[in-house]
Amino acid sequence: MSLPRYQYTGPVDHTVVPDREKIRGKSVIITGGANGMGEVCVRDFAAAGAFVTFADLNEERGKAIEAELNANGVCSVFVKCDIRDWDQQIAMFETAKSKSPHNSVDVVIANAGISRSSGDSLWNLDDPNGEPTKPNLNIVRDRDRCFIMTGSMVSYIDSPGNWEYTATKHGLRGFMKTARRSSWEQGIRINYVAPCWIKSAIRTAEYEKWLVDRGVEFGEQIDVAGCMMRISTDRSINVEQPLFHDHPRSIAKEGFMDVNREDYFDTPEDAYMKRTQESQLVIIEDKWRDDYKVRVYKKD
């Protein structure tokens, strides 16, 4: 699929109903697919006729979902996968390609994640007067191909006490803003979905109740799947429109919208940053091609 170079064209109309027929027969990979919004996405894409390869650490739950979905014909395959392990990720992609109807991978939804509230952490300070323990840095053809990154609303807001998770989601957003400039050369659409508070197995039920009691409004898991479906089925939503934000239905009845905050505009307030962005694209060159040689600018 031929894609144009990135150029801002305004926000996506989030009220358009996705044409689910366009996902039929596509090969879709979903990580973190055995629970929460990942599982809802797996079920929604399979129901629309896609062949879904989904990965998770919970093998028992994953196999149960696979058996349920394949009861009336094979439409999915579960792969046990720790996304921090390169070889396991390779195996996941190879499984998707070998078992899908067209030996392809058309859509990737990078959904798996970790959370400090569920006991995950990069750094542990066993002794407040001592050195921190070493961090686990593992946290961090003409076919329509689409890569969707699951970010978070915390990449747009301050989240005190949740700095590890927030930093990684900001980093993922930065990766999207870099990749969108050259992914068109590989015919890959790049998008970043930033869910608001969504109930998920990544948090305990007690913690979610505590949040609700303190005024947190949760979005719906099915709306996350709807957002992913909207992006996956519309070729016009490519690197030109990189962000969708999952909102509670009290904000957007569809449960998601394009917040339109990834580019600078023709306004006096944005003039300097817009000019700087344009110059950056001239002085920092890159191509997503194997034969491209990056300009060397450092002295020996």
C-alpha atoms as a PDB file:
ATOM      1  CA  MET A   1       0.000   0.000   0.000  1.00  0.00           C
ATOM      2  CA  SER A   2       1.362   3.393  -0.989  1.00  0.00           C
ATOM      3  CA  LEU A   3       1.147   6.050   1.707  1.00  0.00           C
ATOM      4  CA  PRO A   4       1.872   9.768   1.465  1.00  0.00           C
ATOM      5  CA  ARG A   5       4.545  11.462   3.542  1.00  0.00           C
ATOM      6  CA  TYR A   6       3.267  12.753   6.874  1.00  0.00           C
ATOM      7  CA  GLN A   7       1.336  15.997   6.659  1.00  0.00           C
ATOM      8  CA  TYR A   8      -1.156  17.413   9.131  1.00  0.00           C
ATOM      9  CA  THR A   9      -4.680  17.545   7.690  1.00  0.00           C
ATOM     10  CA  GLY A  10      -6.776  18.177  10.778  1.00  0.00           C
ATOM     11  CA  PRO A  11      -8.549  15.930  13.288  1.00  0.00           C
ATOM     12  CA  VAL A  12     -10.295  12.700  12.330  1.00  0.00           C
ATOM     13  CA  ASP A  13     -14.085  12.643  12.442  1.00  0.00           C
ATOM     14  CA  HIS A  14     -14.575  10.207  15.301  1.00  0.00           C
ATOM     15  CA  THR A  15     -18.346  10.015  14.701  1.00  0.00           C
ATOM     16  CA  VAL A  16     -17.928   7.970  11.500  1.00  0.00           C
ATOM     17  CA  VAL A  17     -19.070   4.385  12.047  1.00  0.00           C
ATOM     18  CA  PRO A  18     -16.300   1.896  11.122  1.00  0.00           C
ATOM     19  CA  ASP A  19     -16.851  -0.347   8.126  1.00  0.00           C
ATOM     20  CA  ARG A  20     -16.207  -3.680   9.818  1.00  0.00           C
ATOM     21  CA  GLU A  21     -16.193  -5.524   6.491  1.00  0.00           C
ATOM     22  CA  LYS A  22     -12.801  -3.987   5.806  1.00  0.00           C
ATOM     23  CA  ILE A  23     -11.241  -6.001   8.625  1.00  0.00           C
ATOM     24  CA  ARG A  24     -12.624  -9.334   7.382  1.00  0.00           C
ATOM     25  CA  GLY A  25      -9.822 -11.697   6.389  1.00  0.00           C
ATOM     26  CA  LYS A  26      -7.121  -9.449   7.863  1.00  0.00           C
ATOM     27  CA  SER A  27      -4.439 -10.847  10.157  1.00  0.00           C
ATOM     28  CA  VAL A  28      -4.407  -9.016  13.494  1.00  0.00           C
ATOM     29  CA  ILE A  29      -1.937  -9.353  16.381  1.00  0.00           C
ATOM     30  CA  ILE A  30      -3.048  -8.204  19.833  1.00  0.00           C
ATOM     31  CA  THR A  31      -0.736  -8.371  22.841  1.00  0.00           C
ATOM     32  CA  GLY A  32      -2.172  -8.534  26.338  1.00  0.00           C
ATOM     33  CA  GLY A  33      -5.199 -10.219  24.786  1.00  0.00           C
ATOM     34  CA  ALA A  34      -6.286 -12.583  27.554  1.00  0.00           C
ATOM     35  CA  ASN A  35      -7.867 -10.006  29.838  1.00  0.00           C
ATOM     36  CA  GLY A  36      -9.319  -6.539  30.075  1.00  0.00           C
ATOM     37  CA  MET A  37      -9.523  -4.276  27.063  1.00  0.00           C
ATOM     38  CA  GLY A  38      -7.121  -6.540  25.168  1.00  0.00           C
ATOM     39  CA  GLU A  39      -9.541  -9.450  25.447  1.00  0.00           C
ATOM     40  CA  VAL A  40     -12.428  -7.217  24.360  1.00  0.00           C
ATOM     41  CA  CYS A  41     -10.399  -6.222  21.283  1.00  0.00           C
ATOM     42  CA  VAL A  42      -9.646  -9.883  20.504  1.00  0.00           C
ATOM     43  CA  ARG A  43     -13.319 -10.792  20.646  1.00  0.00           C
ATOM     44  CA  ASP A  44     -14.429  -7.745  18.649  1.00  0.00           C
ATOM     45  CA  PHE A  45     -11.928  -8.256  15.825  1.00  0.00           C
ATOM     46  CA  ALA A  46     -12.667 -11.994  15.636  1.00  0.00           C
ATOM     47  CA  ALA A  47     -16.406 -11.261  15.489  1.00  0.00           C
ATOM     48  CA  ALA A  48     -15.745  -8.902  12.559  1.00  0.00           C
ATOM     49  CA  GLY A  49     -14.064 -11.684  10.576  1.00  0.00           C
ATOM     50  CA  ALA A  50     -10.386 -11.046  11.261  1.00  0.00           C
ATOM     51  CA  PHE A  51      -7.921 -13.803  12.050  1.00  0.00           C
ATOM     52  CA  VAL A  52      -6.581 -12.843  15.468  1.00  0.00           C
ATOM     53  CA  THR A  53      -3.273 -13.919  16.960  1.00  0.00           C
ATOM     54  CA  PHE A  54      -3.294 -12.855  20.575  1.00  0.00           C
ATOM     55  CA  ALA A  55      -0.572 -13.085  23.180  1.00  0.00           C
ATOM     56  CA  ASP A  56      -0.506 -13.024  26.942  1.00  0.00           C
ATOM     57  CA  LEU A  57       1.318 -14.509  29.913  1.00  0.00           C
ATOM     58  CA  ASN A  58      -1.895 -16.081  31.224  1.00  0.00           C
ATOM     59  CA  GLU A  59      -1.808 -19.322  29.244  1.00  0.00           C
ATOM     60  CA  GLU A  60      -4.817 -20.921  30.914  1.00  0.00           C
ATOM     61  CA  ARG A  61      -7.070 -17.952  30.195  1.00  0.00           C
ATOM     62  CA  GLY A  62      -5.647 -17.512  26.694  1.00  0.00           C
ATOM     63  CA  LYS A  63      -6.259 -21.130  25.726  1.00  0.00           C
ATOM     64  CA  ALA A  64      -9.814 -20.924  27.059  1.00  0.00           C
ATOM     65  CA  ILE A  65     -10.565 -17.843  24.942  1.00  0.00           C
ATOM     66  CA  GLU A  66      -8.979 -19.483  21.893  1.00  0.00           C
ATOM     67  CA  ALA A  67     -11.155 -22.608  22.289  1.00  0.00           C
ATOM     68  CA  GLU A  68     -14.278 -20.495  22.715  1.00  0.00           C
ATOM     69  CA  LEU A  69     -13.609 -18.330  19.667  1.00  0.00           C
ATOM     70  CA  ASN A  70     -12.716 -21.332  17.470  1.00  0.00           C
ATOM     71  CA  ALA A  71     -15.781 -23.371  18.415  1.00  0.00           C
ATOM     72  CA  ASN A  72     -17.442 -22.669  15.052  1.00  0.00           C
ATOM     73  CA  GLY A  73     -14.313 -22.411  12.912  1.00  0.00           C
ATOM     74  CA  VAL A  74     -10.719 -21.354  13.384  1.00  0.00           C
ATOM     75  CA  CYS A  75     -10.447 -17.581  13.662  1.00  0.00           C
ATOM     76  CA  SER A  76      -7.806 -17.162  16.340  1.00  0.00           C
ATOM     77  CA  VAL A  77      -4.638 -18.553  17.850  1.00  0.00           C
ATOM     78  CA  PHE A  78      -3.230 -17.915  21.300  1.00  0.00           C
ATOM     79  CA  VAL A  79       0.518 -17.570  21.910  1.00  0.00           C
ATOM     80  CA  LYS A  80       2.010 -17.438  25.377  1.00  0.00           C
ATOM     81  CA  CYS A  81       4.380 -14.510  25.231  1.00  0.00           C
ATOM     82  CA  ASP A  82       6.311 -12.278  27.560  1.00  0.00           C
ATOM     83  CA  ILE A  83       6.630  -9.101  25.498  1.00  0.00           C
ATOM     84  CA  ARG A  84       9.918  -8.288  27.239  1.00  0.00           C
ATOM     85  CA  ASP A  85      11.480 -11.319  25.562  1.00  0.00           C
ATOM     86  CA  TRP A  86      12.646 -10.754  21.965  1.00  0.00           C
ATOM     87  CA  ASP A  87      12.567 -14.424  20.952  1.00  0.00           C
ATOM     88  CA  GLN A  88       9.033 -14.856  22.255  1.00  0.00           C
ATOM     89  CA  GLN A  89       7.914 -11.825  20.275  1.00  0.00           C
ATOM     90  CA  ILE A  90       9.509 -13.275  17.130  1.00  0.00           C
ATOM     91  CA  ALA A  91       7.645 -16.529  17.726  1.00  0.00           C
ATOM     92  CA  MET A  92       4.399 -14.599  18.088  1.00  0.00           C
ATOM     93  CA  PHE A  93       4.852 -12.853  14.734  1.00  0.00           C
ATOM     94  CA  GLU A  94       5.914 -16.061  13.007  1.00  0.00           C
ATOM     95  CA  THR A  95       2.820 -17.836  14.365  1.00  0.00           C
ATOM     96  CA  ALA A  96       0.574 -15.043  13.130  1.00  0.00           C
ATOM     97  CA  LYS A  97       2.093 -15.130   9.662  1.00  0.00           C
ATOM     98  CA  SER A  98       2.076 -18.923   9.291  1.00  0.00           C
ATOM     99  CA  LYS A  99      -1.462 -19.464  10.533  1.00  0.00           C
ATOM    100  CA  SER A 100      -3.254 -16.463   9.017  1.00  0.00           C
ATOM    101  CA  PRO A 101      -5.267 -16.910   5.791  1.00  0.00           C
ATOM    102  CA  HIS A 102      -2.899 -14.830   3.644  1.00  0.00           C
ATOM    103  CA  ASN A 103       0.361 -15.521   5.524  1.00  0.00           C
ATOM    104  CA  SER A 104       0.481 -11.914   6.578  1.00  0.00           C
ATOM    105  CA  VAL A 105       0.434  -9.517   9.501  1.00  0.00           C
ATOM    106  CA  ASP A 106      -1.846  -6.608   8.675  1.00  0.00           C
ATOM    107  CA  VAL A 107      -2.647  -4.955  12.001  1.00  0.00           C
ATOM    108  CA  VAL A 108      -0.609  -4.925  15.211  1.00  0.00           C
ATOM    109  CA  ILE A 109      -2.173  -3.641  18.423  1.00  0.00           C
ATOM    110  CA  ALA A 110       0.582  -3.292  21.026  1.00  0.00           C
ATOM    111  CA  ASN A 111      -1.659  -3.420  24.065  1.00  0.00           C
ATOM    112  CA  ALA A 112       0.216  -5.350  26.767  1.00  0.00           C
ATOM    113  CA  GLY A 113       1.506  -3.260  29.646  1.00  0.00           C
ATOM    114  CA  ILE A 114       2.447  -3.227  33.306  1.00  0.00           C
ATOM    115  CA  SER A 115       1.422  -1.006  36.181  1.00  0.00           C
ATOM    116  CA  ARG A 116       2.937   0.019  39.475  1.00  0.00           C
ATOM    117  CA  SER A 117      -0.462  -0.477  41.114  1.00  0.00           C
ATOM    118  CA  SER A 118      -0.316  -4.163  40.236  1.00  0.00           C
ATOM    119  CA  GLY A 119       3.090  -4.554  41.842  1.00  0.00           C
ATOM    120  CA  ASP A 120       5.342  -3.853  38.846  1.00  0.00           C
ATOM    121  CA  SER A 121       8.259  -1.498  39.236  1.00  0.00           C
ATOM    122  CA  LEU A 122      11.491  -0.541  37.521  1.00  0.00           C
ATOM    123  CA  TRP A 123      13.384   0.514  40.617  1.00  0.00           C
ATOM    124  CA  ASN A 124      13.290  -0.802  44.160  1.00  0.00           C
ATOM    125  CA  LEU A 125      15.042   0.998  46.988  1.00  0.00           C
ATOM    126  CA  ASP A 126      15.541  -1.667  49.630  1.00  0.00           C
ATOM    127  CA  ASP A 127      17.563   0.653  51.852  1.00  0.00           C
ATOM    128  CA  PRO A 128      16.569   4.351  51.835  1.00  0.00           C
ATOM    129  CA  ASN A 129      20.172   5.200  52.729  1.00  0.00           C
ATOM    130  CA  GLY A 130      21.688   2.860  50.172  1.00  0.00           C
ATOM    131  CA  GLU A 131      22.006   2.530  46.417  1.00  0.00           C
ATOM    132  CA  PRO A 132      18.959   1.554  44.322  1.00  0.00           C
ATOM    133  CA  THR A 133      18.833  -1.946  42.939  1.00  0.00           C
ATOM    134  CA  LYS A 134      19.585  -2.434  39.267  1.00  0.00           C
ATOM    135  CA  PRO A 135      16.480  -1.580  37.166  1.00  0.00           C
ATOM    136  CA  ASN A 136      14.764  -4.041  34.866  1.00  0.00           C
ATOM    137  CA  LEU A 137      14.765  -2.111  31.607  1.00  0.00           C
ATOM    138  CA  ASN A 138      12.682  -4.748  29.837  1.00  0.00           C
ATOM    139  CA  ILE A 139       9.631  -2.617  30.581  1.00  0.00           C
ATOM    140  CA  VAL A 140      10.497  -0.257  28.282  1.00  0.00           C
ATOM    141  CA  ARG A 141       3.093  -6.396  -0.196  1.00  0.00           C
ATOM    142  CA  ASP A 142       0.144  -4.112  -1.341  1.00  0.00           C
ATOM    143  CA  ARG A 143      -1.723  -4.675   1.837  1.00  0.00           C
ATOM    144  CA  ASP A 144      -3.001  -2.127   4.301  1.00  0.00           C
ATOM    145  CA  ARG A 145      -0.694  -2.455   7.303  1.00  0.00           C
ATOM    146  CA  CYS A 146      -1.364  -0.685  10.558  1.00  0.00           C
ATOM    147  CA  PHE A 147       0.540  -0.436  13.834  1.00  0.00           C
ATOM    148  CA  ILE A 148      -1.445   0.833  16.818  1.00  0.00           C
ATOM    149  CA  MET A 149       0.328   1.645  20.067  1.00  0.00           C
ATOM    150  CA  THR A 150      -1.661   1.595  23.289  1.00  0.00           C
ATOM    151  CA  GLY A 151      -0.497   4.611  25.250  1.00  0.00           C
ATOM    152  CA  SER A 152      -2.287   6.367  28.063  1.00  0.00           C
ATOM    153  CA  MET A 153      -3.856   9.665  29.053  1.00  0.00           C
ATOM    154  CA  VAL A 154      -0.916  10.096  31.454  1.00  0.00           C
ATOM    155  CA  SER A 155       1.253  10.997  28.469  1.00  0.00           C
ATOM    156  CA  TYR A 156      -0.766  14.243  28.368  1.00  0.00           C
ATOM    157  CA  ILE A 157      -1.254  14.970  32.067  1.00  0.00           C
ATOM    158  CA  ASP A 158       0.832  15.005  35.247  1.00  0.00           C
ATOM    159  CA  SER A 159       0.547  11.808  37.273  1.00  0.00           C
ATOM    160  CA  PRO A 160       2.351  12.218  40.613  1.00  0.00           C
ATOM    161  CA  GLY A 161       3.357   8.951  42.247  1.00  0.00           C
ATOM    162  CA  ASN A 162       3.079   7.087  38.949  1.00  0.00           C
ATOM    163  CA  TRP A 163       6.292   8.317  37.380  1.00  0.00           C
ATOM    164  CA  GLU A 164       7.578   5.062  35.912  1.00  0.00           C
ATOM    165  CA  TYR A 165       4.382   4.320  33.996  1.00  0.00           C
ATOM    166  CA  THR A 166       4.019   7.957  32.948  1.00  0.00           C
ATOM    167  CA  ALA A 167       7.593   8.158  31.664  1.00  0.00           C
ATOM    168  CA  THR A 168       7.199   5.037  29.511  1.00  0.00           C
ATOM    169  CA  LYS A 169       3.926   6.286  28.016  1.00  0.00           C
ATOM    170  CA  HIS A 170       5.528   9.640  27.202  1.00  0.00           C
ATOM    171  CA  GLY A 171       8.369   7.698  25.613  1.00  0.00           C
ATOM    172  CA  LEU A 172       5.943   5.662  23.533  1.00  0.00           C
ATOM    173  CA  ARG A 173       4.264   8.857  22.368  1.00  0.00           C
ATOM    174  CA  GLY A 174       7.678  10.193  21.391  1.00  0.00           C
ATOM    175  CA  PHE A 175       8.341   7.011  19.447  1.00  0.00           C
ATOM    176  CA  MET A 176       5.070   7.510  17.562  1.00  0.00           C
ATOM    177  CA  LYS A 177       5.954  11.118  16.708  1.00  0.00           C
ATOM    178  CA  THR A 178       9.300   9.937  15.312  1.00  0.00           C
ATOM    179  CA  ALA A 179       8.065   6.842  13.467  1.00  0.00           C
ATOM    180  CA  ARG A 180       5.227   8.711  11.746  1.00  0.00           C
ATOM    181  CA  ARG A 181       7.778  10.711   9.754  1.00  0.00           C
ATOM    182  CA  SER A 182       9.186   7.694   7.919  1.00  0.00           C
ATOM    183  CA  SER A 183       6.745   4.780   8.341  1.00  0.00           C
ATOM    184  CA  TRP A 184       5.041   5.760   5.095  1.00  0.00           C
ATOM    185  CA  GLU A 185       8.120   4.474   3.248  1.00  0.00           C
ATOM    186  CA  GLN A 186       7.244   0.974   4.447  1.00  0.00           C
ATOM    187  CA  GLY A 187       3.519   1.419   3.812  1.00  0.00           C
ATOM    188  CA  ILE A 188       2.710   1.185   7.526  1.00  0.00           C
ATOM    189  CA  ARG A 189       0.095   3.366   9.180  1.00  0.00           C
ATOM    190  CA  ILE A 190       1.145   4.543  12.653  1.00  0.00           C
ATOM    191  CA  ASN A 191      -1.352   5.453  15.368  1.00  0.00           C
ATOM    192  CA  TYR A 192      -1.295   6.095  19.100  1.00  0.00           C
ATOM    193  CA  VAL A 193      -4.348   5.349  21.238  1.00  0.00           C
ATOM    194  CA  ALA A 194      -4.356   6.942  24.685  1.00  0.00           C
ATOM    195  CA  PRO A 195      -7.043   5.392  26.884  1.00  0.00           C
ATOM    196  CA  CYS A 196      -8.474   7.257  29.836  1.00  0.00           C
ATOM    197  CA  TRP A 197      -9.259   5.300  33.001  1.00  0.00           C
ATOM    198  CA  ILE A 198     -10.394   1.863  31.752  1.00  0.00           C
ATOM    199  CA  LYS A 199     -11.222  -1.011  34.086  1.00  0.00           C
ATOM    200  CA  SER A 200      -8.616  -3.693  33.615  1.00  0.00           C
ATOM    201  CA  ALA A 201      -7.075  -6.770  35.204  1.00  0.00           C
ATOM    202  CA  ILE A 202      -3.851  -4.787  35.457  1.00  0.00           C
ATOM    203  CA  ARG A 203      -5.350  -3.241  38.633  1.00  0.00           C
ATOM    204  CA  THR A 204      -7.012  -4.905  41.598  1.00  0.00           C
ATOM    205  CA  ALA A 205     -10.785  -4.619  42.079  1.00  0.00           C
ATOM    206  CA  GLU A 206     -10.179  -2.979  45.459  1.00  0.00           C
ATOM    207  CA  TYR A 207      -8.016  -0.285  43.887  1.00  0.00           C
ATOM    208  CA  GLU A 208     -10.581   0.421  41.163  1.00  0.00           C
ATOM    209  CA  LYS A 209     -13.311   0.796  43.802  1.00  0.00           C
ATOM    210  CA  TRP A 210     -11.044   3.167  45.682  1.00  0.00           C
ATOM    211  CA  LEU A 211     -10.664   5.221  42.490  1.00  0.00           C
ATOM    212  CA  VAL A 212     -14.406   5.325  41.796  1.00  0.00           C
ATOM    213  CA  ASP A 213     -15.069   6.429  45.381  1.00  0.00           C
ATOM    214  CA  ARG A 214     -12.761   9.364  44.744  1.00  0.00           C
ATOM    215  CA  GLY A 215     -14.439  10.565  41.572  1.00  0.00           C
ATOM    216  CA  VAL A 216     -12.593   8.722  38.808  1.00  0.00           C
ATOM    217  CA  GLU A 217     -14.822   8.142  35.772  1.00  0.00           C
ATOM    218  CA  PHE A 218     -14.017   4.973  33.854  1.00  0.00           C
ATOM    219  CA  GLY A 219     -14.381   4.500  30.125  1.00  0.00           C
ATOM    220  CA  GLU A 220     -15.712   1.294  28.563  1.00  0.00           C
ATOM    221  CA  GLN A 221     -13.468  -1.517  27.367  1.00  0.00           C
ATOM    222  CA  ILE A 222     -15.693  -2.015  24.310  1.00  0.00           C
ATOM    223  CA  ASP A 223     -15.026   1.611  23.326  1.00  0.00           C
ATOM    224  CA  VAL A 224     -11.296   0.893  23.249  1.00  0.00           C
ATOM    225  CA  ALA A 225     -12.061  -1.949  20.833  1.00  0.00           C
ATOM    226  CA  GLY A 226     -14.270   0.429  18.838  1.00  0.00           C
ATOM    227  CA  CYS A 227     -11.429   2.932  18.622  1.00  0.00           C
ATOM    228  CA  MET A 228      -9.017   0.239  17.422  1.00  0.00           C
ATOM    229  CA  MET A 229     -11.580  -0.945  14.875  1.00  0.00           C
ATOM    230  CA  ARG A 230     -12.135   2.606  13.612  1.00  0.00           C
ATOM    231  CA  ILE A 231      -8.420   3.043  12.944  1.00  0.00           C
ATOM    232  CA  SER A 232      -7.885  -0.447  11.516  1.00  0.00           C
ATOM    233  CA  THR A 233     -10.683  -0.207   8.968  1.00  0.00           C
ATOM    234  CA  ASP A 234     -10.004   3.288   7.610  1.00  0.00           C
ATOM    235  CA  ARG A 235      -6.968   3.660   5.350  1.00  0.00           C
ATOM    236  CA  SER A 236      -7.251   7.428   5.535  1.00  0.00           C
ATOM    237  CA  ILE A 237      -6.310   7.288   9.226  1.00  0.00           C
ATOM    238  CA  ASN A 238      -2.623   6.864   8.653  1.00  0.00           C
ATOM    239  CA  VAL A 239       0.381   8.758   9.899  1.00  0.00           C
ATOM    240  CA  GLU A 240      -1.458  11.952   9.054  1.00  0.00           C
ATOM    241  CA  GLN A 241      -3.721  11.501  12.073  1.00  0.00           C
ATOM    242  CA  PRO A 242      -1.675   9.751  14.733  1.00  0.00           C
ATOM    243  CA  LEU A 243      -3.757  10.061  17.881  1.00  0.00           C
ATOM    244  CA  PHE A 244      -7.077   8.852  19.193  1.00  0.00           C
ATOM    245  CA  HIS A 245      -7.999   9.385  22.809  1.00  0.00           C
ATOM    246  CA  ASP A 246     -10.429   7.083  24.601  1.00  0.00           C
ATOM    247  CA  HIS A 247     -12.812   9.246  26.603  1.00  0.00           C
ATOM    248  CA  PRO A 248     -15.714   8.412  28.895  1.00  0.00           C
ATOM    249  CA  ARG A 249     -19.021   8.538  27.026  1.00  0.00           C
ATOM    250  CA  SER A 250     -19.942  11.633  29.018  1.00  0.00           C
ATOM    251  CA  ILE A 251     -17.316  13.442  26.911  1.00  0.00           C
ATOM    252  CA  ALA A 252     -17.743  11.659  23.564  1.00  0.00           C
ATOM    253  CA  LYS A 253     -20.708   9.355  23.027  1.00  0.00           C
ATOM    254  CA  GLU A 254     -18.585   7.092  20.810  1.00  0.00           C
ATOM    255  CA  GLY A 255     -16.190   6.622  23.728  1.00  0.00           C
ATOM    256  CA  PHE A 256     -13.208   8.053  21.817  1.00  0.00           C
ATOM    257  CA  MET A 257     -12.132  11.087  19.824  1.00  0.00           C
ATOM    258  CA  ASP A 258      -9.102  12.680  18.166  1.00  0.00           C
ATOM    259  CA  VAL A 259      -7.818  15.240  20.655  1.00  0.00           C
ATOM    260  CA  ASN A 260      -5.809  16.971  17.911  1.00  0.00           C
ATOM    261  CA  ARG A 261      -2.783  17.843  20.038  1.00  0.00           C
ATOM    262  CA  GLU A 262       0.111  16.347  18.114  1.00  0.00           C
ATOM    263  CA  ASP A 263       0.964  19.225  15.768  1.00  0.00           C
ATOM    264  CA  TYR A 264       1.602  22.964  15.827  1.00  0.00           C
ATOM    265  CA  PHE A 265      -0.792  25.348  14.130  1.00  0.00           C
ATOM    266  CA  ASP A 266      -0.643  28.586  12.155  1.00  0.00           C
ATOM    267  CA  THR A 267      -1.124  30.768  15.207  1.00  0.00           C
ATOM    268  CA  PRO A 268       1.151  33.362  16.817  1.00  0.00           C
ATOM    269  CA  GLU A 269       1.479  31.134  19.908  1.00  0.00           C
ATOM    270  CA  ASP A 270       2.705  28.183  17.834  1.00  0.00           C
ATOM    271  CA  ALA A 271       4.799  30.091  15.302  1.00  0.00           C
ATOM    272  CA  TYR A 272       8.225  29.426  16.844  1.00  0.00           C
ATOM    273  CA  MET A 273       7.598  25.742  17.606  1.00  0.00           C
ATOM    274  CA  LYS A 274       6.127  25.170  14.144  1.00  0.00           C
ATOM    275  CA  ARG A 275       9.153  26.802  12.505  1.00  0.00           C
ATOM    276  CA  THR A 276      11.520  24.796  14.700  1.00  0.00           C
ATOM    277  CA  GLN A 277       9.750  21.556  13.811  1.00  0.00           C
ATOM    278  CA  GLU A 278      10.064  22.318  10.108  1.00  0.00           C
ATOM    279  CA  SER A 279      13.785  23.060  10.410  1.00  0.00           C
ATOM    280  CA  GLN A 280      14.327  19.892  12.440  1.00  0.00           C
ATOM    281  CA  LEU A 281      13.013  17.807   9.558  1.00  0.00           C
ATOM    282  CA  VAL A 282      15.651  19.378   7.318  1.00  0.00           C
ATOM    283  CA  ILE A 283      18.692  19.034   9.553  1.00  0.00           C
ATOM    284  CA  ILE A 284      17.849  15.611  11.047  1.00  0.00           C
ATOM    285  CA  GLU A 285      17.385  13.252   8.137  1.00  0.00           C
ATOM    286  CA  ASP A 286      16.280   9.642   8.357  1.00  0.00           C
ATOM    287  CA  LYS A 287      14.765   7.035   6.107  1.00  0.00           C
ATOM    288  CA  TRP A 288      13.078   3.771   7.013  1.00  0.00           C
ATOM    289  CA  ARG A 289      15.066   1.865   4.418  1.00  0.00           C
ATOM    290  CA  ASP A 290      17.760  -0.763   4.838  1.00  0.00           C
ATOM    291  CA  ASP A 291      20.045   0.926   2.301  1.00  0.00           C
ATOM    292  CA  TYR A 292      19.819   4.411   3.803  1.00  0.00           C
ATOM    293  CA  LYS A 293      23.012   5.795   5.350  1.00  0.00           C
ATOM    294  CA  VAL A 294      22.473   8.239   8.173  1.00  0.00           C
ATOM    295  CA  ARG A 295      24.461  11.479   7.957  1.00  0.00           C
ATOM    296  CA  VAL A 296      27.457  11.440  10.300  1.00  0.00           C
ATOM    297  CA  TYR A 297      27.751  14.753  12.126  1.00  0.00           C
ATOM    298  CA  LYS A 298      29.931  13.991  15.163  1.00  0.00           C
ATOM    299  CA  LYS A 299      33.677  14.579  15.182  1.00  0.00           C
ATOM    300  CA  ASP A 300      36.018  11.643  15.671  1.00  0.00           C
END
